[in-house]
Amino acid sequence: MKLKTEWRTLRERLKAAVHLADSGSTREDRSPDAAPDPREWVIVYRTERGFCCMYRGEPVEFDEMLDVQIWSEEEDVRLWYFGL
């Protein structure tokens, strides 16, 4: 039973976070006239050998965090680090 409760809590937290991302608002205080950030979110997670993400349906693997940051600037996406 405890596992079901934990999964439900995780689902609710992710749903709330995605809703905030979709609506353009964040938990941080933003000025009312600030434009929402139109960039796409990409979830990056740690693997045994580095980092990985799914971008436009294709897996993208990185060796180091610096590679992830450079790639995100080139692709003009926002990163969401999961499980680091």
C-alpha atoms as a PDB file:
ATOM      1  CA  MET A   1       0.000   0.000   0.000  1.00  0.00           C
ATOM      2  CA  LYS A   2       2.769   2.425   0.787  1.00  0.00           C
ATOM      3  CA  LEU A   3       4.185   2.120  -2.724  1.00  0.00           C
ATOM      4  CA  LYS A   4       0.809   3.022  -4.286  1.00  0.00           C
ATOM      5  CA  THR A   5       0.643   6.121  -2.112  1.00  0.00           C
ATOM      6  CA  GLU A   6       4.150   7.141  -3.081  1.00  0.00           C
ATOM      7  CA  TRP A   7       3.410   6.691  -6.791  1.00  0.00           C
ATOM      8  CA  ARG A   8       0.203   8.696  -6.452  1.00  0.00           C
ATOM      9  CA  THR A   9       2.127  11.493  -4.729  1.00  0.00           C
ATOM     10  CA  LEU A  10       4.770  11.453  -7.448  1.00  0.00           C
ATOM     11  CA  ARG A  11       2.110  11.587 -10.176  1.00  0.00           C
ATOM     12  CA  GLU A  12       0.404  14.550  -8.504  1.00  0.00           C
ATOM     13  CA  ARG A  13       3.676  16.442  -8.137  1.00  0.00           C
ATOM     14  CA  LEU A  14       4.609  15.834 -11.777  1.00  0.00           C
ATOM     15  CA  LYS A  15       1.132  16.837 -12.915  1.00  0.00           C
ATOM     16  CA  ALA A  16       1.374  20.083 -10.949  1.00  0.00           C
ATOM     17  CA  ALA A  17       4.847  20.817 -12.313  1.00  0.00           C
ATOM     18  CA  VAL A  18       3.822  20.129 -15.911  1.00  0.00           C
ATOM     19  CA  HIS A  19       0.727  22.266 -15.468  1.00  0.00           C
ATOM     20  CA  LEU A  20       2.917  25.129 -14.249  1.00  0.00           C
ATOM     21  CA  ALA A  21       5.244  24.655 -17.216  1.00  0.00           C
ATOM     22  CA  ASP A  22       2.327  24.634 -19.669  1.00  0.00           C
ATOM     23  CA  SER A  23       0.747  27.724 -18.174  1.00  0.00           C
ATOM     24  CA  GLY A  24       4.014  29.654 -18.325  1.00  0.00           C
ATOM     25  CA  SER A  25       4.078  30.358 -14.608  1.00  0.00           C
ATOM     26  CA  THR A  26       6.580  29.165 -12.068  1.00  0.00           C
ATOM     27  CA  ARG A  27       6.772  28.958  -8.335  1.00  0.00           C
ATOM     28  CA  GLU A  28       9.209  31.860  -8.386  1.00  0.00           C
ATOM     29  CA  ASP A  29       7.863  35.365  -8.210  1.00  0.00           C
ATOM     30  CA  ARG A  30       7.644  36.764 -11.713  1.00  0.00           C
ATOM     31  CA  SER A  31       6.637  40.195 -12.807  1.00  0.00           C
ATOM     32  CA  PRO A  32       3.050  40.283 -14.090  1.00  0.00           C
ATOM     33  CA  ASP A  33       4.085  41.625 -17.495  1.00  0.00           C
ATOM     34  CA  ALA A  34       6.851  39.039 -18.091  1.00  0.00           C
ATOM     35  CA  ALA A  35       6.303  37.032 -21.270  1.00  0.00           C
ATOM     36  CA  PRO A  36       6.180  33.237 -20.899  1.00  0.00           C
ATOM     37  CA  ASP A  37       9.246  31.364 -22.077  1.00  0.00           C
ATOM     38  CA  PRO A  38       8.279  29.658 -25.370  1.00  0.00           C
ATOM     39  CA  ARG A  39      11.192  27.205 -25.351  1.00  0.00           C
ATOM     40  CA  GLU A  40      10.508  23.474 -25.211  1.00  0.00           C
ATOM     41  CA  TRP A  41      11.183  21.506 -22.001  1.00  0.00           C
ATOM     42  CA  VAL A  42      13.588  18.556 -22.190  1.00  0.00           C
ATOM     43  CA  ILE A  43      13.928  16.131 -19.280  1.00  0.00           C
ATOM     44  CA  VAL A  44      17.544  15.135 -18.639  1.00  0.00           C
ATOM     45  CA  TYR A  45      18.428  12.241 -16.371  1.00  0.00           C
ATOM     46  CA  ARG A  46      21.612  10.688 -15.066  1.00  0.00           C
ATOM     47  CA  THR A  47      22.736   7.341 -16.453  1.00  0.00           C
ATOM     48  CA  GLU A  48      25.550   4.976 -15.554  1.00  0.00           C
ATOM     49  CA  ARG A  49      27.845   6.522 -18.156  1.00  0.00           C
ATOM     50  CA  GLY A  50      26.694  10.148 -18.223  1.00  0.00           C
ATOM     51  CA  PHE A  51      23.408  11.844 -19.056  1.00  0.00           C
ATOM     52  CA  CYS A  52      20.543  11.167 -21.442  1.00  0.00           C
ATOM     53  CA  CYS A  53      17.358  12.811 -22.697  1.00  0.00           C
ATOM     54  CA  MET A  54      14.642  12.274 -25.269  1.00  0.00           C
ATOM     55  CA  TYR A  55      14.432  15.080 -27.805  1.00  0.00           C
ATOM     56  CA  ARG A  56      11.876  14.944 -30.610  1.00  0.00           C
ATOM     57  CA  GLY A  57      11.452  11.201 -30.127  1.00  0.00           C
ATOM     58  CA  GLU A  58      15.161  10.391 -30.332  1.00  0.00           C
ATOM     59  CA  PRO A  59      17.492   9.569 -27.412  1.00  0.00           C
ATOM     60  CA  VAL A  60      20.406  11.947 -26.961  1.00  0.00           C
ATOM     61  CA  GLU A  61      23.331  10.826 -24.788  1.00  0.00           C
ATOM     62  CA  PHE A  62      25.982  13.002 -23.168  1.00  0.00           C
ATOM     63  CA  ASP A  63      29.226  12.207 -21.367  1.00  0.00           C
ATOM     64  CA  GLU A  64      29.369  15.250 -19.094  1.00  0.00           C
ATOM     65  CA  MET A  65      27.112  17.968 -17.703  1.00  0.00           C
ATOM     66  CA  LEU A  66      28.970  20.566 -19.782  1.00  0.00           C
ATOM     67  CA  ASP A  67      27.930  18.703 -22.947  1.00  0.00           C
ATOM     68  CA  VAL A  68      24.291  18.889 -21.815  1.00  0.00           C
ATOM     69  CA  GLN A  69      24.515  22.638 -21.179  1.00  0.00           C
ATOM     70  CA  ILE A  70      26.174  23.365 -24.520  1.00  0.00           C
ATOM     71  CA  TRP A  71      23.617  21.226 -26.365  1.00  0.00           C
ATOM     72  CA  SER A  72      20.700  22.965 -24.634  1.00  0.00           C
ATOM     73  CA  GLU A  73      22.008  26.372 -25.720  1.00  0.00           C
ATOM     74  CA  GLU A  74      22.453  25.180 -29.306  1.00  0.00           C
ATOM     75  CA  GLU A  75      18.963  23.659 -29.462  1.00  0.00           C
ATOM     76  CA  ASP A  76      17.447  26.548 -27.450  1.00  0.00           C
ATOM     77  CA  VAL A  77      15.583  24.325 -24.991  1.00  0.00           C
ATOM     78  CA  ARG A  78      14.970  24.447 -21.239  1.00  0.00           C
ATOM     79  CA  LEU A  79      16.348  21.587 -19.198  1.00  0.00           C
ATOM     80  CA  TRP A  80      14.582  19.776 -16.400  1.00  0.00           C
ATOM     81  CA  TYR A  81      16.970  17.545 -14.487  1.00  0.00           C
ATOM     82  CA  PHE A  82      15.279  14.414 -13.160  1.00  0.00           C
ATOM     83  CA  GLY A  83      16.735  12.100 -10.554  1.00  0.00           C
ATOM     84  CA  LEU A  84      20.112  13.760 -10.127  1.00  0.00           C
END
